[in-house]
Amino acid sequence: MSDTDPATPPDSVAHEAGATKSFWEHLSDLRTAVVRSAIAIGIALVLCLLLVNKLMLVLEYPLQRLDLLEKPKPTVAFKVGEQRFGPYIVTRDQFPGLPLDIDGIPPHAVYQTGIGTATIGGEQVLTLKLLPPPQPAAVESSLQVRLLNLSPQEGFMVAFRVALYGALIVSSPFWIGYLLGFILPALNRRERQAIFPWMAWGAFLFLLGVGATYFFLLPLALRAAVMYSEWFGFVGTEWRAEEYIGFTCKFLLGMGIGFQFPLVVLFLVKIGVLTHRDLAKYRRHVIVLSFVLGAVLTTPEVITQVAMAVPLYLLYEISIWIAWYWDWKKRRAERVGKG
């Protein structure tokens, strides 16, 4: 006896369960998706190689925010020709002869100097004089980090690496679409409706993790790295470009993946494996797990581990409250049903 309702047309049942294909047909579909994804990434790679200098400016942006939480101080740097001196913190005692009131000097201003003459002891001597104040575009950070290439081929390797990362991001709508086109036909309509909200939240949390890291956590981690090096007496403001790019991209990607942690936790709650009471009981374990994820998903050193562990634990606490709300909503619906 068939389990299928006689009133339901067989074609409708097949459509609901997803079309049945042989192993070789699935393999052919997978090959098509992979080939199309590779073509999309290859085209994006060529475009990114042509614009690699622009992409590098994007990766260097966190270096311009190393003084993110530091209160801006009036500093001034002097340029004699192409030679630059400073920056120096400006005070009335250090620079009594500045042509501006100390409160009117913009933070991190760069002043040009010119050659002048003065009479000292009855003799004409050459002196340096300040030229007119700079334009706002000359404002710079007081802490400067230089990126270096230390071998002939390193510049090409850095350019290719940056272009490859950019190509994966630029072409992501295409290769993700191709992969979804391979996976979704195997799901029925109800499974698709259930998975789309989770995918949307996953994308949102990934972008949230990358954005928070790029604009806030990464500048703090980089500044802490500089201060840590200087605490040991090393020069902490000259880094290899290849290592900086690898560190930055791994940190951004790791935080984006790490921000999927609440989805995993809430999925286990949704299928009944965990409850909000279980989540509250495992708080201490999650603290350790957050540091472990910081070491695995980013770089195995204290600064990035702490930078990742703190937001992950906060997201875990939010997950506990969401799980509690689901449980409360379920119990209320049961009471209403019994009433």
C-alpha atoms as a PDB file:
ATOM      1  CA  MET A   1       0.000   0.000   0.000  1.00  0.00           C
ATOM      2  CA  SER A   2       1.449   3.354  -0.993  1.00  0.00           C
ATOM      3  CA  ASP A   3       2.100   6.021   1.664  1.00  0.00           C
ATOM      4  CA  THR A   4       1.254   8.742  -0.838  1.00  0.00           C
ATOM      5  CA  ASP A   5      -2.125  10.410  -0.575  1.00  0.00           C
ATOM      6  CA  PRO A   6      -4.157   9.304  -3.664  1.00  0.00           C
ATOM      7  CA  ALA A   7      -5.495  12.822  -3.967  1.00  0.00           C
ATOM      8  CA  THR A   8      -1.982  14.207  -4.431  1.00  0.00           C
ATOM      9  CA  PRO A   9      -0.686  14.017  -8.008  1.00  0.00           C
ATOM     10  CA  PRO A  10       2.608  12.096  -8.317  1.00  0.00           C
ATOM     11  CA  ASP A  11       4.267  14.983 -10.189  1.00  0.00           C
ATOM     12  CA  SER A  12       3.488  17.318  -7.295  1.00  0.00           C
ATOM     13  CA  VAL A  13       5.052  14.902  -4.824  1.00  0.00           C
ATOM     14  CA  ALA A  14       8.181  14.634  -6.944  1.00  0.00           C
ATOM     15  CA  HIS A  15       8.424  18.407  -7.205  1.00  0.00           C
ATOM     16  CA  GLU A  16       8.000  18.789  -3.429  1.00  0.00           C
ATOM     17  CA  ALA A  17      10.724  16.234  -2.659  1.00  0.00           C
ATOM     18  CA  GLY A  18      13.096  17.491  -5.303  1.00  0.00           C
ATOM     19  CA  ALA A  19      13.967  15.895  -8.655  1.00  0.00           C
ATOM     20  CA  THR A  20      15.734  12.532  -8.455  1.00  0.00           C
ATOM     21  CA  LYS A  21      19.000  12.310 -10.408  1.00  0.00           C
ATOM     22  CA  SER A  22      21.633   9.660 -10.819  1.00  0.00           C
ATOM     23  CA  PHE A  23      25.091   9.940  -9.273  1.00  0.00           C
ATOM     24  CA  TRP A  24      26.669  10.869 -12.618  1.00  0.00           C
ATOM     25  CA  GLU A  25      24.083  13.585 -13.229  1.00  0.00           C
ATOM     26  CA  HIS A  26      24.844  15.089  -9.802  1.00  0.00           C
ATOM     27  CA  LEU A  27      28.555  14.886 -10.594  1.00  0.00           C
ATOM     28  CA  SER A  28      27.987  16.640 -13.912  1.00  0.00           C
ATOM     29  CA  ASP A  29      26.015  19.423 -12.192  1.00  0.00           C
ATOM     30  CA  LEU A  30      28.780  19.838  -9.610  1.00  0.00           C
ATOM     31  CA  ARG A  31      31.418  20.020 -12.341  1.00  0.00           C
ATOM     32  CA  THR A  32      29.396  22.677 -14.171  1.00  0.00           C
ATOM     33  CA  ALA A  33      29.061  24.747 -10.976  1.00  0.00           C
ATOM     34  CA  VAL A  34      32.793  24.470 -10.225  1.00  0.00           C
ATOM     35  CA  VAL A  35      33.815  25.394 -13.791  1.00  0.00           C
ATOM     36  CA  ARG A  36      31.505  28.425 -13.846  1.00  0.00           C
ATOM     37  CA  SER A  37      32.773  29.513 -10.434  1.00  0.00           C
ATOM     38  CA  ALA A  38      36.395  29.198 -11.601  1.00  0.00           C
ATOM     39  CA  ILE A  39      35.644  31.289 -14.705  1.00  0.00           C
ATOM     40  CA  ALA A  40      33.982  34.003 -12.599  1.00  0.00           C
ATOM     41  CA  ILE A  41      36.923  34.076 -10.186  1.00  0.00           C
ATOM     42  CA  GLY A  42      39.416  34.148 -13.083  1.00  0.00           C
ATOM     43  CA  ILE A  43      37.720  37.142 -14.748  1.00  0.00           C
ATOM     44  CA  ALA A  44      37.558  38.954 -11.404  1.00  0.00           C
ATOM     45  CA  LEU A  45      41.247  38.148 -10.803  1.00  0.00           C
ATOM     46  CA  VAL A  46      42.282  39.863 -14.034  1.00  0.00           C
ATOM     47  CA  LEU A  47      40.249  42.955 -13.144  1.00  0.00           C
ATOM     48  CA  CYS A  48      41.664  43.045  -9.609  1.00  0.00           C
ATOM     49  CA  LEU A  49      45.240  42.766 -10.929  1.00  0.00           C
ATOM     50  CA  LEU A  50      44.606  45.929 -12.941  1.00  0.00           C
ATOM     51  CA  LEU A  51      43.280  47.683  -9.815  1.00  0.00           C
ATOM     52  CA  VAL A  52      45.597  46.123  -7.241  1.00  0.00           C
ATOM     53  CA  ASN A  53      46.916  49.527  -6.097  1.00  0.00           C
ATOM     54  CA  LYS A  54      43.362  50.583  -5.195  1.00  0.00           C
ATOM     55  CA  LEU A  55      42.772  47.335  -3.312  1.00  0.00           C
ATOM     56  CA  MET A  56      45.972  47.876  -1.378  1.00  0.00           C
ATOM     57  CA  LEU A  57      44.687  51.249  -0.215  1.00  0.00           C
ATOM     58  CA  VAL A  58      41.631  49.456   1.192  1.00  0.00           C
ATOM     59  CA  LEU A  59      43.848  47.042   3.140  1.00  0.00           C
ATOM     60  CA  GLU A  60      46.043  49.884   4.400  1.00  0.00           C
ATOM     61  CA  TYR A  61      43.078  51.874   5.706  1.00  0.00           C
ATOM     62  CA  PRO A  62      43.224  50.324   9.230  1.00  0.00           C
ATOM     63  CA  LEU A  63      46.815  51.591   9.487  1.00  0.00           C
ATOM     64  CA  GLN A  64      45.450  55.132   9.254  1.00  0.00           C
ATOM     65  CA  ARG A  65      43.235  54.518  12.299  1.00  0.00           C
ATOM     66  CA  LEU A  66      45.856  53.337  14.778  1.00  0.00           C
ATOM     67  CA  ASP A  67      45.018  56.272  17.057  1.00  0.00           C
ATOM     68  CA  LEU A  68      41.311  55.354  17.008  1.00  0.00           C
ATOM     69  CA  LEU A  69      40.686  55.754  20.745  1.00  0.00           C
ATOM     70  CA  GLU A  70      43.499  58.189  21.413  1.00  0.00           C
ATOM     71  CA  LYS A  71      42.534  61.800  21.973  1.00  0.00           C
ATOM     72  CA  PRO A  72      44.042  63.823  19.118  1.00  0.00           C
ATOM     73  CA  LYS A  73      46.998  65.936  20.201  1.00  0.00           C
ATOM     74  CA  PRO A  74      48.350  68.944  18.341  1.00  0.00           C
ATOM     75  CA  THR A  75      51.411  67.658  16.513  1.00  0.00           C
ATOM     76  CA  VAL A  76      53.489  69.186  13.789  1.00  0.00           C
ATOM     77  CA  ALA A  77      55.941  67.781  11.262  1.00  0.00           C
ATOM     78  CA  PHE A  78      58.401  69.792   9.160  1.00  0.00           C
ATOM     79  CA  LYS A  79      59.433  69.115   5.582  1.00  0.00           C
ATOM     80  CA  VAL A  80      62.646  70.527   4.150  1.00  0.00           C
ATOM     81  CA  GLY A  81      62.464  69.616   0.492  1.00  0.00           C
ATOM     82  CA  GLU A  82      61.657  65.907   0.528  1.00  0.00           C
ATOM     83  CA  GLN A  83      63.051  65.318   4.024  1.00  0.00           C
ATOM     84  CA  ARG A  84      60.498  65.119   6.814  1.00  0.00           C
ATOM     85  CA  PHE A  85      61.120  65.713  10.520  1.00  0.00           C
ATOM     86  CA  GLY A  86      58.598  64.797  13.177  1.00  0.00           C
ATOM     87  CA  PRO A  87      55.786  64.547  14.063  1.00  0.00           C
ATOM     88  CA  TYR A  88      56.308  66.422  17.336  1.00  0.00           C
ATOM     89  CA  ILE A  89      53.709  67.088  20.006  1.00  0.00           C
ATOM     90  CA  VAL A  90      53.178  70.819  19.982  1.00  0.00           C
ATOM     91  CA  THR A  91      53.244  72.801  23.228  1.00  0.00           C
ATOM     92  CA  ARG A  92      53.740  76.485  23.897  1.00  0.00           C
ATOM     93  CA  ASP A  93      57.100  75.804  25.523  1.00  0.00           C
ATOM     94  CA  GLN A  94      58.461  73.655  22.684  1.00  0.00           C
ATOM     95  CA  PHE A  95      57.368  75.926  19.826  1.00  0.00           C
ATOM     96  CA  PRO A  96      56.954  79.443  21.171  1.00  0.00           C
ATOM     97  CA  GLY A  97      57.496  80.997  17.756  1.00  0.00           C
ATOM     98  CA  LEU A  98      54.749  79.275  15.813  1.00  0.00           C
ATOM     99  CA  PRO A  99      52.660  81.710  13.756  1.00  0.00           C
ATOM    100  CA  LEU A 100      49.395  80.191  15.044  1.00  0.00           C
ATOM    101  CA  ASP A 101      47.858  80.032  18.448  1.00  0.00           C
ATOM    102  CA  ILE A 102      48.428  76.526  19.840  1.00  0.00           C
ATOM    103  CA  ASP A 103      44.696  75.834  20.006  1.00  0.00           C
ATOM    104  CA  GLY A 104      44.313  76.664  16.328  1.00  0.00           C
ATOM    105  CA  ILE A 105      46.737  74.018  15.073  1.00  0.00           C
ATOM    106  CA  PRO A 106      44.919  71.055  13.553  1.00  0.00           C
ATOM    107  CA  PRO A 107      45.917  67.632  14.912  1.00  0.00           C
ATOM    108  CA  HIS A 108      48.829  66.022  13.032  1.00  0.00           C
ATOM    109  CA  ALA A 109      49.420  69.006  10.746  1.00  0.00           C
ATOM    110  CA  VAL A 110      52.406  68.950   8.380  1.00  0.00           C
ATOM    111  CA  TYR A 111      54.132  72.310   7.886  1.00  0.00           C
ATOM    112  CA  GLN A 112      56.431  73.161   5.015  1.00  0.00           C
ATOM    113  CA  THR A 113      59.564  75.150   5.806  1.00  0.00           C
ATOM    114  CA  GLY A 114      61.376  77.654   3.647  1.00  0.00           C
ATOM    115  CA  ILE A 115      64.777  79.318   3.734  1.00  0.00           C
ATOM    116  CA  GLY A 116      64.954  82.783   5.230  1.00  0.00           C
ATOM    117  CA  THR A 117      67.559  85.137   6.673  1.00  0.00           C
ATOM    118  CA  ALA A 118      67.966  86.767  10.044  1.00  0.00           C
ATOM    119  CA  THR A 119      70.454  89.144  11.647  1.00  0.00           C
ATOM    120  CA  ILE A 120      72.226  87.554  14.619  1.00  0.00           C
ATOM    121  CA  GLY A 121      75.108  89.377  16.257  1.00  0.00           C
ATOM    122  CA  GLY A 122      75.314  91.838  13.385  1.00  0.00           C
ATOM    123  CA  GLU A 123      75.647  89.060  10.779  1.00  0.00           C
ATOM    124  CA  GLN A 124      73.177  87.754   8.217  1.00  0.00           C
ATOM    125  CA  VAL A 125      72.531  84.014   8.694  1.00  0.00           C
ATOM    126  CA  LEU A 126      70.274  81.540   6.959  1.00  0.00           C
ATOM    127  CA  THR A 127      67.241  80.399   8.927  1.00  0.00           C
ATOM    128  CA  LEU A 128      64.226  78.156   8.415  1.00  0.00           C
ATOM    129  CA  LYS A 129      60.836  79.795   8.395  1.00  0.00           C
ATOM    130  CA  LEU A 130      57.369  78.278   8.459  1.00  0.00           C
ATOM    131  CA  LEU A 131      55.302  78.604   5.296  1.00  0.00           C
ATOM    132  CA  PRO A 132      51.507  79.208   5.437  1.00  0.00           C
ATOM    133  CA  PRO A 133      49.427  76.594   7.316  1.00  0.00           C
ATOM    134  CA  PRO A 134      48.610  73.398   5.422  1.00  0.00           C
ATOM    135  CA  GLN A 135      45.336  72.461   3.843  1.00  0.00           C
ATOM    136  CA  PRO A 136      43.032  70.023   5.691  1.00  0.00           C
ATOM    137  CA  ALA A 137      44.104  67.259   3.302  1.00  0.00           C
ATOM    138  CA  ALA A 138      47.525  67.258   4.966  1.00  0.00           C
ATOM    139  CA  VAL A 139      46.109  65.876   8.226  1.00  0.00           C
ATOM    140  CA  GLU A 140      47.773  62.555   9.071  1.00  0.00           C
ATOM    141  CA  SER A 141      47.985  60.055  11.891  1.00  0.00           C
ATOM    142  CA  SER A 142      50.690  60.616  14.496  1.00  0.00           C
ATOM    143  CA  LEU A 143      51.652  56.908  14.357  1.00  0.00           C
ATOM    144  CA  GLN A 144      52.926  55.815  10.975  1.00  0.00           C
ATOM    145  CA  VAL A 145      53.613  52.191   9.962  1.00  0.00           C
ATOM    146  CA  ARG A 146      55.601  51.479   6.816  1.00  0.00           C
ATOM    147  CA  LEU A 147      55.032  48.343   4.739  1.00  0.00           C
ATOM    148  CA  LEU A 148      58.159  46.916   3.117  1.00  0.00           C
ATOM    149  CA  ASN A 149      58.969  44.441   0.348  1.00  0.00           C
ATOM    150  CA  LEU A 150      62.258  42.748   1.233  1.00  0.00           C
ATOM    151  CA  SER A 151      62.951  40.718  -1.915  1.00  0.00           C
ATOM    152  CA  PRO A 152      62.740  41.309  -5.684  1.00  0.00           C
ATOM    153  CA  GLN A 153      59.823  38.943  -6.257  1.00  0.00           C
ATOM    154  CA  GLU A 154      57.894  39.899  -3.136  1.00  0.00           C
ATOM    155  CA  GLY A 155      56.164  42.824  -4.836  1.00  0.00           C
ATOM    156  CA  PHE A 156      54.680  40.518  -7.485  1.00  0.00           C
ATOM    157  CA  MET A 157      53.619  37.950  -4.888  1.00  0.00           C
ATOM    158  CA  VAL A 158      51.951  40.633  -2.773  1.00  0.00           C
ATOM    159  CA  ALA A 159      50.105  42.023  -5.803  1.00  0.00           C
ATOM    160  CA  PHE A 160      48.853  38.571  -6.803  1.00  0.00           C
ATOM    161  CA  ARG A 161      47.790  37.736  -3.253  1.00  0.00           C
ATOM    162  CA  VAL A 162      45.840  40.981  -2.872  1.00  0.00           C
ATOM    163  CA  ALA A 163      44.213  40.504  -6.285  1.00  0.00           C
ATOM    164  CA  LEU A 164      43.226  36.925  -5.426  1.00  0.00           C
ATOM    165  CA  TYR A 165      41.545  37.988  -2.182  1.00  0.00           C
ATOM    166  CA  GLY A 166      39.781  40.780  -4.039  1.00  0.00           C
ATOM    167  CA  ALA A 167      38.667  38.415  -6.809  1.00  0.00           C
ATOM    168  CA  LEU A 168      37.125  35.981  -4.316  1.00  0.00           C
ATOM    169  CA  ILE A 169      35.139  38.834  -2.772  1.00  0.00           C
ATOM    170  CA  VAL A 170      34.103  40.538  -6.021  1.00  0.00           C
ATOM    171  CA  SER A 171      33.012  37.280  -7.659  1.00  0.00           C
ATOM    172  CA  SER A 172      31.304  35.907  -4.522  1.00  0.00           C
ATOM    173  CA  PRO A 173      27.739  36.652  -5.746  1.00  0.00           C
ATOM    174  CA  PHE A 174      28.458  34.474  -8.799  1.00  0.00           C
ATOM    175  CA  TRP A 175      30.227  31.454  -7.289  1.00  0.00           C
ATOM    176  CA  ILE A 176      27.883  31.389  -4.288  1.00  0.00           C
ATOM    177  CA  GLY A 177      24.936  31.489  -6.696  1.00  0.00           C
ATOM    178  CA  TYR A 178      26.372  28.626  -8.744  1.00  0.00           C
ATOM    179  CA  LEU A 179      26.925  26.492  -5.648  1.00  0.00           C
ATOM    180  CA  LEU A 180      23.414  27.251  -4.378  1.00  0.00           C
ATOM    181  CA  GLY A 181      22.080  26.315  -7.799  1.00  0.00           C
ATOM    182  CA  PHE A 182      23.671  22.908  -7.281  1.00  0.00           C
ATOM    183  CA  ILE A 183      22.449  22.415  -3.680  1.00  0.00           C
ATOM    184  CA  LEU A 184      18.924  23.904  -3.623  1.00  0.00           C
ATOM    185  CA  PRO A 185      17.316  21.569  -6.211  1.00  0.00           C
ATOM    186  CA  ALA A 186      17.930  18.698  -3.771  1.00  0.00           C
ATOM    187  CA  LEU A 187      15.711  20.410  -1.156  1.00  0.00           C
ATOM    188  CA  ASN A 188      11.948  20.463  -1.091  1.00  0.00           C
ATOM    189  CA  ARG A 189       9.901  23.624  -0.775  1.00  0.00           C
ATOM    190  CA  ARG A 190       9.609  23.490   3.020  1.00  0.00           C
ATOM    191  CA  GLU A 191      13.359  22.960   3.453  1.00  0.00           C
ATOM    192  CA  ARG A 192      14.103  25.887   1.188  1.00  0.00           C
ATOM    193  CA  GLN A 193      11.756  28.167   3.127  1.00  0.00           C
ATOM    194  CA  ALA A 194      13.454  27.094   6.353  1.00  0.00           C
ATOM    195  CA  ILE A 195      17.016  27.536   5.140  1.00  0.00           C
ATOM    196  CA  PHE A 196      16.712  30.977   3.519  1.00  0.00           C
ATOM    197  CA  PRO A 197      16.276  32.952   6.808  1.00  0.00           C
ATOM    198  CA  TRP A 198      19.289  31.182   8.293  1.00  0.00           C
ATOM    199  CA  MET A 199      21.343  32.005   5.197  1.00  0.00           C
ATOM    200  CA  ALA A 200      20.280  35.663   5.382  1.00  0.00           C
ATOM    201  CA  TRP A 201      21.262  35.895   9.055  1.00  0.00           C
ATOM    202  CA  GLY A 202      24.537  34.118   8.287  1.00  0.00           C
ATOM    203  CA  ALA A 203      25.398  36.677   5.602  1.00  0.00           C
ATOM    204  CA  PHE A 204      24.417  39.529   7.919  1.00  0.00           C
ATOM    205  CA  LEU A 205      26.564  38.223  10.795  1.00  0.00           C
ATOM    206  CA  PHE A 206      29.498  37.610   8.453  1.00  0.00           C
ATOM    207  CA  LEU A 207      29.371  41.191   7.156  1.00  0.00           C
ATOM    208  CA  LEU A 208      28.895  42.468  10.708  1.00  0.00           C
ATOM    209  CA  GLY A 209      31.987  40.589  11.877  1.00  0.00           C
ATOM    210  CA  VAL A 210      34.112  41.793   8.967  1.00  0.00           C
ATOM    211  CA  GLY A 211      32.875  45.399   9.297  1.00  0.00           C
ATOM    212  CA  ALA A 212      33.397  45.581  13.062  1.00  0.00           C
ATOM    213  CA  THR A 213      36.886  44.131  12.646  1.00  0.00           C
ATOM    214  CA  TYR A 214      37.862  46.381   9.748  1.00  0.00           C
ATOM    215  CA  PHE A 215      36.746  49.654  11.326  1.00  0.00           C
ATOM    216  CA  PHE A 216      37.308  48.991  15.029  1.00  0.00           C
ATOM    217  CA  LEU A 217      39.003  45.776  16.201  1.00  0.00           C
ATOM    218  CA  LEU A 218      41.769  45.635  13.586  1.00  0.00           C
ATOM    219  CA  PRO A 219      43.124  49.164  14.222  1.00  0.00           C
ATOM    220  CA  LEU A 220      43.180  48.414  17.959  1.00  0.00           C
ATOM    221  CA  ALA A 221      44.969  45.106  17.416  1.00  0.00           C
ATOM    222  CA  LEU A 222      47.526  46.687  15.088  1.00  0.00           C
ATOM    223  CA  ARG A 223      48.235  49.517  17.523  1.00  0.00           C
ATOM    224  CA  ALA A 224      48.601  47.009  20.356  1.00  0.00           C
ATOM    225  CA  ALA A 225      51.109  45.103  18.210  1.00  0.00           C
ATOM    226  CA  VAL A 226      53.142  48.283  17.698  1.00  0.00           C
ATOM    227  CA  MET A 227      53.084  49.155  21.388  1.00  0.00           C
ATOM    228  CA  TYR A 228      53.989  45.576  22.332  1.00  0.00           C
ATOM    229  CA  SER A 229      57.054  45.661  20.063  1.00  0.00           C
ATOM    230  CA  GLU A 230      58.166  49.039  21.379  1.00  0.00           C
ATOM    231  CA  TRP A 231      57.746  47.771  24.954  1.00  0.00           C
ATOM    232  CA  PHE A 232      60.446  45.202  24.158  1.00  0.00           C
ATOM    233  CA  GLY A 233      62.632  47.910  22.648  1.00  0.00           C
ATOM    234  CA  PHE A 234      62.106  46.822  19.023  1.00  0.00           C
ATOM    235  CA  VAL A 235      61.117  48.978  16.055  1.00  0.00           C
ATOM    236  CA  GLY A 236      57.416  48.260  15.680  1.00  0.00           C
ATOM    237  CA  THR A 237      56.517  50.545  12.774  1.00  0.00           C
ATOM    238  CA  GLU A 238      58.112  48.683   9.843  1.00  0.00           C
ATOM    239  CA  TRP A 239      56.375  45.499   8.684  1.00  0.00           C
ATOM    240  CA  ARG A 240      56.661  43.193   5.713  1.00  0.00           C
ATOM    241  CA  ALA A 241      53.780  43.883   3.338  1.00  0.00           C
ATOM    242  CA  GLU A 242      53.166  40.179   2.693  1.00  0.00           C
ATOM    243  CA  GLU A 243      52.860  39.368   6.396  1.00  0.00           C
ATOM    244  CA  TYR A 244      50.608  42.376   7.038  1.00  0.00           C
ATOM    245  CA  ILE A 245      48.245  41.363   4.221  1.00  0.00           C
ATOM    246  CA  GLY A 246      48.133  37.769   5.439  1.00  0.00           C
ATOM    247  CA  PHE A 247      47.465  38.893   9.013  1.00  0.00           C
ATOM    248  CA  THR A 248      44.757  41.366   8.007  1.00  0.00           C
ATOM    249  CA  CYS A 249      42.889  39.048   5.628  1.00  0.00           C
ATOM    250  CA  LYS A 250      43.044  36.110   8.020  1.00  0.00           C
ATOM    251  CA  PHE A 251      41.791  38.286  10.870  1.00  0.00           C
ATOM    252  CA  LEU A 252      38.884  39.633   8.800  1.00  0.00           C
ATOM    253  CA  LEU A 253      37.913  36.207   7.455  1.00  0.00           C
ATOM    254  CA  GLY A 254      38.274  34.588  10.873  1.00  0.00           C
ATOM    255  CA  MET A 255      36.006  37.150  12.510  1.00  0.00           C
ATOM    256  CA  GLY A 256      33.433  36.756   9.748  1.00  0.00           C
ATOM    257  CA  ILE A 257      33.405  32.984  10.285  1.00  0.00           C
ATOM    258  CA  GLY A 258      33.510  33.354  14.068  1.00  0.00           C
ATOM    259  CA  PHE A 259      30.379  35.497  13.993  1.00  0.00           C
ATOM    260  CA  GLN A 260      28.508  32.429  12.696  1.00  0.00           C
ATOM    261  CA  PHE A 261      28.871  30.945  16.195  1.00  0.00           C
ATOM    262  CA  PRO A 262      25.427  32.186  17.387  1.00  0.00           C
ATOM    263  CA  LEU A 263      23.765  30.530  14.380  1.00  0.00           C
ATOM    264  CA  VAL A 264      25.304  27.178  15.286  1.00  0.00           C
ATOM    265  CA  VAL A 265      24.199  27.548  18.908  1.00  0.00           C
ATOM    266  CA  LEU A 266      20.666  28.626  18.012  1.00  0.00           C
ATOM    267  CA  PHE A 267      20.346  25.842  15.442  1.00  0.00           C
ATOM    268  CA  LEU A 268      21.125  23.304  18.179  1.00  0.00           C
ATOM    269  CA  VAL A 269      18.466  24.984  20.323  1.00  0.00           C
ATOM    270  CA  LYS A 270      15.976  24.904  17.465  1.00  0.00           C
ATOM    271  CA  ILE A 271      16.337  21.140  16.930  1.00  0.00           C
ATOM    272  CA  GLY A 272      16.096  20.469  20.656  1.00  0.00           C
ATOM    273  CA  VAL A 273      19.691  19.465  21.410  1.00  0.00           C
ATOM    274  CA  LEU A 274      20.216  22.420  23.778  1.00  0.00           C
ATOM    275  CA  THR A 275      18.040  24.713  25.890  1.00  0.00           C
ATOM    276  CA  HIS A 276      18.660  28.181  27.264  1.00  0.00           C
ATOM    277  CA  ARG A 277      19.405  26.582  30.643  1.00  0.00           C
ATOM    278  CA  ASP A 278      22.121  24.436  29.042  1.00  0.00           C
ATOM    279  CA  LEU A 279      23.610  27.517  27.377  1.00  0.00           C
ATOM    280  CA  ALA A 280      23.724  29.370  30.692  1.00  0.00           C
ATOM    281  CA  LYS A 281      25.405  26.381  32.347  1.00  0.00           C
ATOM    282  CA  TYR A 282      28.174  26.236  29.729  1.00  0.00           C
ATOM    283  CA  ARG A 283      29.243  29.881  30.019  1.00  0.00           C
ATOM    284  CA  ARG A 284      32.702  29.086  31.418  1.00  0.00           C
ATOM    285  CA  HIS A 285      33.327  26.518  28.712  1.00  0.00           C
ATOM    286  CA  VAL A 286      32.378  29.038  26.018  1.00  0.00           C
ATOM    287  CA  ILE A 287      34.932  31.543  27.337  1.00  0.00           C
ATOM    288  CA  VAL A 288      37.689  28.974  26.757  1.00  0.00           C
ATOM    289  CA  LEU A 289      36.180  28.004  23.396  1.00  0.00           C
ATOM    290  CA  SER A 290      36.171  31.654  22.309  1.00  0.00           C
ATOM    291  CA  PHE A 291      39.915  31.918  22.905  1.00  0.00           C
ATOM    292  CA  VAL A 292      40.473  28.639  21.057  1.00  0.00           C
ATOM    293  CA  LEU A 293      38.475  29.923  18.076  1.00  0.00           C
ATOM    294  CA  GLY A 294      40.529  33.114  18.221  1.00  0.00           C
ATOM    295  CA  ALA A 295      43.702  31.050  17.842  1.00  0.00           C
ATOM    296  CA  VAL A 296      42.308  28.801  15.087  1.00  0.00           C
ATOM    297  CA  LEU A 297      40.429  31.337  12.983  1.00  0.00           C
ATOM    298  CA  THR A 298      42.839  34.282  13.248  1.00  0.00           C
ATOM    299  CA  THR A 299      46.456  34.224  14.414  1.00  0.00           C
ATOM    300  CA  PRO A 300      47.766  32.353  17.491  1.00  0.00           C
ATOM    301  CA  GLU A 301      48.754  35.333  19.624  1.00  0.00           C
ATOM    302  CA  VAL A 302      47.151  37.042  22.587  1.00  0.00           C
ATOM    303  CA  ILE A 303      46.043  40.324  20.987  1.00  0.00           C
ATOM    304  CA  THR A 304      43.863  38.827  18.255  1.00  0.00           C
ATOM    305  CA  GLN A 305      42.597  36.077  20.560  1.00  0.00           C
ATOM    306  CA  VAL A 306      41.276  38.659  23.007  1.00  0.00           C
ATOM    307  CA  ALA A 307      39.907  40.825  20.164  1.00  0.00           C
ATOM    308  CA  MET A 308      37.934  37.841  18.878  1.00  0.00           C
ATOM    309  CA  ALA A 309      37.001  36.181  22.185  1.00  0.00           C
ATOM    310  CA  VAL A 310      35.222  39.228  23.614  1.00  0.00           C
ATOM    311  CA  PRO A 311      32.682  39.770  20.781  1.00  0.00           C
ATOM    312  CA  LEU A 312      32.130  36.007  20.432  1.00  0.00           C
ATOM    313  CA  TYR A 313      31.227  35.706  24.100  1.00  0.00           C
ATOM    314  CA  LEU A 314      28.897  38.711  23.849  1.00  0.00           C
ATOM    315  CA  LEU A 315      27.165  37.034  20.902  1.00  0.00           C
ATOM    316  CA  TYR A 316      26.841  33.879  23.002  1.00  0.00           C
ATOM    317  CA  GLU A 317      25.092  35.859  25.737  1.00  0.00           C
ATOM    318  CA  ILE A 318      22.710  37.266  23.129  1.00  0.00           C
ATOM    319  CA  SER A 319      22.040  33.700  21.964  1.00  0.00           C
ATOM    320  CA  ILE A 320      21.055  32.718  25.517  1.00  0.00           C
ATOM    321  CA  TRP A 321      18.439  35.483  25.616  1.00  0.00           C
ATOM    322  CA  ILE A 322      17.120  34.536  22.174  1.00  0.00           C
ATOM    323  CA  ALA A 323      16.844  30.881  23.261  1.00  0.00           C
ATOM    324  CA  TRP A 324      15.017  31.988  26.424  1.00  0.00           C
ATOM    325  CA  TYR A 325      12.597  34.060  24.337  1.00  0.00           C
ATOM    326  CA  TRP A 326      11.890  31.080  22.062  1.00  0.00           C
ATOM    327  CA  ASP A 327      11.201  28.881  25.074  1.00  0.00           C
ATOM    328  CA  TRP A 328       8.929  31.513  26.645  1.00  0.00           C
ATOM    329  CA  LYS A 329       7.047  31.959  23.370  1.00  0.00           C
ATOM    330  CA  LYS A 330       6.588  28.201  23.043  1.00  0.00           C
ATOM    331  CA  ARG A 331       5.286  27.819  26.601  1.00  0.00           C
ATOM    332  CA  ARG A 332       2.877  30.707  26.127  1.00  0.00           C
ATOM    333  CA  ALA A 333       1.513  29.150  22.936  1.00  0.00           C
ATOM    334  CA  GLU A 334       0.981  25.867  24.803  1.00  0.00           C
ATOM    335  CA  ARG A 335      -0.905  27.637  27.580  1.00  0.00           C
ATOM    336  CA  VAL A 336      -3.080  29.425  25.036  1.00  0.00           C
ATOM    337  CA  GLY A 337      -3.757  26.128  23.274  1.00  0.00           C
ATOM    338  CA  LYS A 338      -4.812  24.435  26.507  1.00  0.00           C
ATOM    339  CA  GLY A 339      -6.998  27.380  27.461  1.00  0.00           C
END
